[in-house]
Amino acid sequence: MRFLLDHTERAPEIPALARGYSEQMMLRAYLRWHRHSITRQRVRGIEWLTTRRDQSRGVVLSFMHHNRYDGLFASLARVGAPCLVLTAPEVLRPDTDPALKQHVRVVGHLGQVMAATGGTEAIAEMLRPGVTLAIASDVPGHTPVTFLGRRVLASFGAARIATLTNSPVVLVTVRRDARGSYLQLEQPLEPKDFASPGELLDEMLNRHSEAVLDWPEALDVPTARWGIVEH
């Protein structure tokens, strides 16, 4: 929690949020083995992936490893928006531990998990008309960005691929109300509205930061999500 929040207005809450973070990590590990409890999440804004999208184009779905993120893809599929989910090749190795294998089963339920191999051009080929390609925005990379006041190294992939293929970017964030958490699909970001993929990436992270700051203890292993800027 210090890594995530030291440079935010919520820094004084770190001790209490650290306890909440431990609870969230244990609960996430437990719920992974109870797929039905996390693959029926409430969804708002589904029209951005269904009735209000241009089916002649692909869509980049930008998500973070926040709350029950492994069940979000099946939750979207149940309301009419199945996804291809991009993941690191090592996650799909046959010799991974049982917990990780179960994680992949949940992520791929009602959808398809694809290894991020072959470079940007190969991944861009997946974005055919009507396809929704889910790419995490909190993975280590080589691009310096600011997230919640800290300089970190992020992946340039989603913004670059969206720009290369002229695909809108739809963010999915986790929000809460009186009934609990739900998935919020945000109005698409058009690559042409940004001077560069870097500016698009900055806007994506700015929007994600709002949801994460509201519920920081639900972010999965924050220290593993970013590269460290060397001083």
Protein backbone atom coordinates (compact mmCIF):
# COMPACT_ATOMS: atom_id res chain seq x y z
CA MET A 1 0.00 0.00 0.00
CA ARG A 2 2.91 2.37 0.55
CA PHE A 3 4.13 1.76 -2.98
CA LEU A 4 0.66 2.49 -4.34
CA LEU A 5 -0.42 5.36 -2.10
CA ASP A 6 2.63 7.16 -0.70
CA HIS A 7 2.18 10.06 -3.12
CA THR A 8 -1.60 10.43 -2.79
CA GLU A 9 -4.02 12.08 -0.38
CA ARG A 10 -4.83 8.63 1.02
CA ALA A 11 -1.31 8.07 2.39
CA PRO A 12 -2.45 8.60 6.02
CA GLU A 13 -4.80 5.62 5.62
CA ILE A 14 -2.07 3.18 4.61
CA PRO A 15 -2.01 1.13 7.88
CA ALA A 16 -5.75 0.48 7.75
CA LEU A 17 -5.75 -0.14 4.01
CA ALA A 18 -2.87 -2.61 4.38
CA ARG A 19 -5.08 -4.80 6.56
CA GLY A 20 -7.84 -4.53 3.99
CA TYR A 21 -5.37 -5.46 1.27
CA SER A 22 -4.44 -8.68 3.10
CA GLU A 23 -8.12 -9.57 3.34
CA GLN A 24 -8.64 -8.91 -0.36
CA MET A 25 -5.68 -11.08 -1.35
CA MET A 26 -6.91 -14.02 0.71
CA LEU A 27 -10.47 -13.62 -0.53
CA ARG A 28 -9.32 -13.42 -4.17
CA ALA A 29 -7.33 -16.65 -3.78
CA TYR A 30 -10.38 -18.38 -2.29
CA LEU A 31 -12.94 -17.13 -4.81
CA ARG A 32 -10.80 -18.25 -7.74
CA TRP A 33 -11.90 -21.79 -6.88
CA HIS A 34 -15.56 -20.75 -6.83
CA ARG A 35 -15.94 -19.53 -10.39
CA HIS A 36 -19.67 -18.93 -10.33
CA SER A 37 -19.31 -16.40 -7.54
CA ILE A 38 -17.11 -14.05 -9.61
CA THR A 39 -18.25 -14.56 -13.22
CA ARG A 40 -21.64 -12.93 -12.75
CA GLN A 41 -20.59 -9.43 -11.83
CA ARG A 42 -22.92 -6.52 -12.50
CA VAL A 43 -22.06 -4.50 -15.60
CA ARG A 44 -22.90 -0.92 -16.52
CA GLY A 45 -22.19 0.66 -19.88
CA ILE A 46 -22.24 -2.62 -21.83
CA GLU A 47 -23.59 -0.69 -24.84
CA TRP A 48 -20.06 0.57 -25.54
CA LEU A 49 -19.13 -3.00 -26.48
CA THR A 50 -22.42 -3.98 -28.11
CA THR A 51 -25.07 -1.68 -29.57
CA ARG A 52 -23.03 1.56 -29.62
CA ARG A 53 -19.86 0.21 -31.22
CA ASP A 54 -18.78 0.15 -34.85
CA GLN A 55 -18.70 -3.53 -35.75
CA SER A 56 -16.35 -2.79 -38.65
CA ARG A 57 -13.60 -2.05 -36.14
CA GLY A 58 -11.97 -3.88 -33.28
CA VAL A 59 -12.01 -2.56 -29.71
CA VAL A 60 -9.20 -2.54 -27.15
CA LEU A 61 -10.61 -3.25 -23.70
CA SER A 62 -8.27 -1.74 -21.10
CA PHE A 63 -8.48 -3.28 -17.63
CA MET A 64 -6.47 -3.43 -14.44
CA HIS A 65 -5.84 -6.28 -12.01
CA HIS A 66 -8.42 -4.81 -9.68
CA ASN A 67 -10.94 -6.63 -7.48
CA ARG A 68 -12.31 -9.83 -9.14
CA TYR A 69 -10.67 -9.08 -12.46
CA ASP A 70 -10.34 -12.75 -13.38
CA GLY A 71 -14.14 -13.04 -13.49
CA LEU A 72 -14.80 -9.84 -15.42
CA PHE A 73 -14.45 -11.40 -18.88
CA ALA A 74 -17.10 -14.07 -18.33
CA SER A 75 -19.29 -11.40 -16.75
CA LEU A 76 -19.04 -9.34 -19.95
CA ALA A 77 -19.67 -12.40 -22.12
CA ARG A 78 -22.87 -13.14 -20.23
CA VAL A 79 -24.27 -9.76 -21.27
CA GLY A 80 -23.23 -10.01 -24.89
CA ALA A 81 -19.57 -8.93 -25.05
CA PRO A 82 -17.12 -11.86 -25.24
CA CYS A 83 -13.41 -10.98 -25.33
CA LEU A 84 -10.05 -12.26 -26.40
CA VAL A 85 -7.79 -11.82 -23.37
CA LEU A 86 -4.10 -11.16 -23.91
CA THR A 87 -1.72 -12.66 -21.36
CA ALA A 88 1.97 -13.33 -20.85
CA PRO A 89 3.06 -16.62 -22.50
CA GLU A 90 4.50 -18.01 -19.26
CA VAL A 91 1.04 -17.96 -17.69
CA LEU A 92 -0.08 -20.60 -20.19
CA ARG A 93 2.79 -23.02 -19.67
CA PRO A 94 1.62 -26.56 -18.79
CA ASP A 95 3.93 -26.73 -15.76
CA THR A 96 2.43 -23.75 -13.91
CA ASP A 97 1.12 -24.31 -10.38
CA PRO A 98 -2.51 -25.37 -9.80
CA ALA A 99 -3.61 -21.95 -8.53
CA LEU A 100 -2.38 -20.23 -11.71
CA LYS A 101 -4.00 -22.89 -13.88
CA GLN A 102 -7.29 -22.28 -12.10
CA HIS A 103 -6.83 -18.56 -12.62
CA VAL A 104 -6.47 -19.11 -16.38
CA ARG A 105 -9.59 -21.30 -16.40
CA VAL A 106 -11.59 -18.51 -14.80
CA VAL A 107 -10.17 -15.83 -17.10
CA GLY A 108 -10.95 -17.94 -20.17
CA HIS A 109 -14.43 -19.01 -19.11
CA LEU A 110 -16.86 -18.02 -21.91
CA GLY A 111 -13.97 -16.41 -23.80
CA GLN A 112 -10.46 -17.09 -25.08
CA VAL A 113 -7.03 -16.46 -23.62
CA MET A 114 -4.26 -15.62 -26.10
CA ALA A 115 -0.50 -15.49 -25.48
CA ALA A 116 1.16 -12.15 -26.22
CA THR A 117 3.71 -13.48 -28.71
CA GLY A 118 4.95 -12.33 -32.09
CA GLY A 119 5.25 -8.62 -31.36
CA THR A 120 2.95 -5.67 -31.87
CA GLU A 121 2.05 -6.50 -35.47
CA ALA A 122 0.97 -10.05 -34.59
CA ILE A 123 -1.19 -8.79 -31.74
CA ALA A 124 -2.68 -6.10 -33.98
CA GLU A 125 -3.76 -8.87 -36.36
CA MET A 126 -6.07 -10.17 -33.63
CA LEU A 127 -8.08 -6.93 -33.74
CA ARG A 128 -10.34 -7.91 -36.57
CA PRO A 129 -13.75 -6.24 -37.11
CA GLY A 130 -16.06 -6.89 -34.19
CA VAL A 131 -13.34 -8.33 -31.95
CA THR A 132 -12.80 -7.06 -28.40
CA LEU A 133 -9.20 -7.57 -27.28
CA ALA A 134 -8.63 -7.21 -23.53
CA ILE A 135 -5.19 -5.89 -22.55
CA ALA A 136 -4.11 -5.10 -18.98
CA SER A 137 -2.86 -1.55 -18.46
CA ASP A 138 -0.97 -2.27 -15.22
CA VAL A 139 1.84 -4.52 -16.42
CA PRO A 140 5.58 -3.77 -16.28
CA GLY A 141 7.09 -2.17 -19.36
CA HIS A 142 9.64 0.39 -20.47
CA THR A 143 7.55 3.55 -20.82
CA PRO A 144 7.89 6.12 -17.98
CA VAL A 145 4.47 7.28 -16.77
CA THR A 146 2.94 8.75 -13.65
CA PHE A 147 0.41 6.66 -11.78
CA LEU A 148 -1.04 7.94 -8.50
CA GLY A 149 1.80 10.42 -8.20
CA ARG A 150 4.62 7.89 -8.60
CA ARG A 151 6.88 7.59 -11.65
CA VAL A 152 6.79 4.01 -12.86
CA LEU A 153 7.46 2.04 -16.04
CA ALA A 154 4.34 0.84 -17.85
CA SER A 155 3.56 -1.12 -20.98
CA PHE A 156 3.01 0.93 -24.13
CA GLY A 157 1.23 -2.00 -25.83
CA ALA A 158 -2.47 -1.21 -25.56
CA ALA A 159 -2.15 2.43 -26.63
CA ARG A 160 0.22 1.60 -29.46
CA ILE A 161 -1.94 -1.22 -30.80
CA ALA A 162 -5.08 0.90 -30.58
CA THR A 163 -3.36 3.67 -32.53
CA LEU A 164 -1.86 1.30 -35.09
CA THR A 165 -5.24 -0.31 -35.83
CA ASN A 166 -7.42 2.79 -35.28
CA SER A 167 -9.34 0.89 -32.61
CA PRO A 168 -11.24 2.71 -29.86
CA VAL A 169 -10.16 2.03 -26.29
CA VAL A 170 -12.90 1.15 -23.81
CA LEU A 171 -11.85 1.18 -20.16
CA VAL A 172 -13.47 -1.21 -17.73
CA THR A 173 -13.15 -0.09 -14.12
CA VAL A 174 -14.46 -1.39 -10.82
CA ARG A 175 -16.89 0.86 -8.98
CA ARG A 176 -19.02 0.43 -5.85
CA ASP A 177 -22.49 1.42 -4.75
CA ALA A 178 -24.87 0.38 -1.98
CA ARG A 179 -25.19 -3.10 -3.51
CA GLY A 180 -21.46 -3.68 -3.73
CA SER A 181 -19.00 -3.68 -6.64
CA TYR A 182 -19.82 -3.56 -10.33
CA LEU A 183 -17.99 -3.24 -13.64
CA GLN A 184 -18.21 0.13 -15.36
CA LEU A 185 -17.47 0.38 -19.07
CA GLU A 186 -16.37 3.90 -19.94
CA GLN A 187 -17.09 5.89 -23.09
CA PRO A 188 -14.50 4.97 -25.74
CA LEU A 189 -11.29 6.91 -26.25
CA GLU A 190 -10.52 7.47 -29.94
CA PRO A 191 -6.81 7.28 -30.84
CA LYS A 192 -7.24 10.07 -33.42
CA ASP A 193 -8.16 12.45 -30.60
CA PHE A 194 -4.65 12.20 -29.15
CA ALA A 195 -1.44 13.62 -30.56
CA SER A 196 0.46 10.40 -29.84
CA PRO A 197 0.03 6.94 -28.34
CA GLY A 198 1.85 8.28 -25.28
CA GLU A 199 -0.84 10.86 -24.66
CA LEU A 200 -3.49 8.18 -25.10
CA LEU A 201 -1.71 6.01 -22.53
CA ASP A 202 -1.54 8.90 -20.08
CA GLU A 203 -5.29 9.44 -20.36
CA MET A 204 -6.01 5.73 -19.92
CA LEU A 205 -3.94 5.62 -16.74
CA ASN A 206 -5.45 8.84 -15.40
CA ARG A 207 -8.92 7.36 -15.72
CA HIS A 208 -7.92 4.04 -14.21
CA SER A 209 -6.29 5.82 -11.28
CA GLU A 210 -9.62 7.27 -10.16
CA ALA A 211 -11.15 3.81 -9.66
CA VAL A 212 -8.01 2.38 -8.05
CA LEU A 213 -7.67 5.30 -5.63
CA ASP A 214 -11.27 4.80 -4.55
CA TRP A 215 -10.57 1.15 -3.64
CA PRO A 216 -6.78 0.70 -3.49
CA GLU A 217 -6.76 -2.34 -1.25
CA ALA A 218 -8.47 -4.34 -4.02
CA LEU A 219 -5.56 -3.97 -6.49
CA ASP A 220 -3.74 -7.27 -6.90
CA VAL A 221 -0.03 -7.12 -5.92
CA PRO A 222 0.66 -3.46 -6.78
CA THR A 223 4.45 -3.86 -6.58
CA ALA A 224 4.33 -6.44 -9.40
CA ARG A 225 2.29 -4.26 -11.73
CA TRP A 226 4.85 -1.64 -12.70
CA GLY A 227 8.48 -1.37 -13.59
CA ILE A 228 10.62 0.70 -11.22
CA VAL A 229 12.17 3.93 -12.44
CA GLU A 230 15.84 3.92 -11.50
CA HIS A 231 17.12 7.10 -9.85
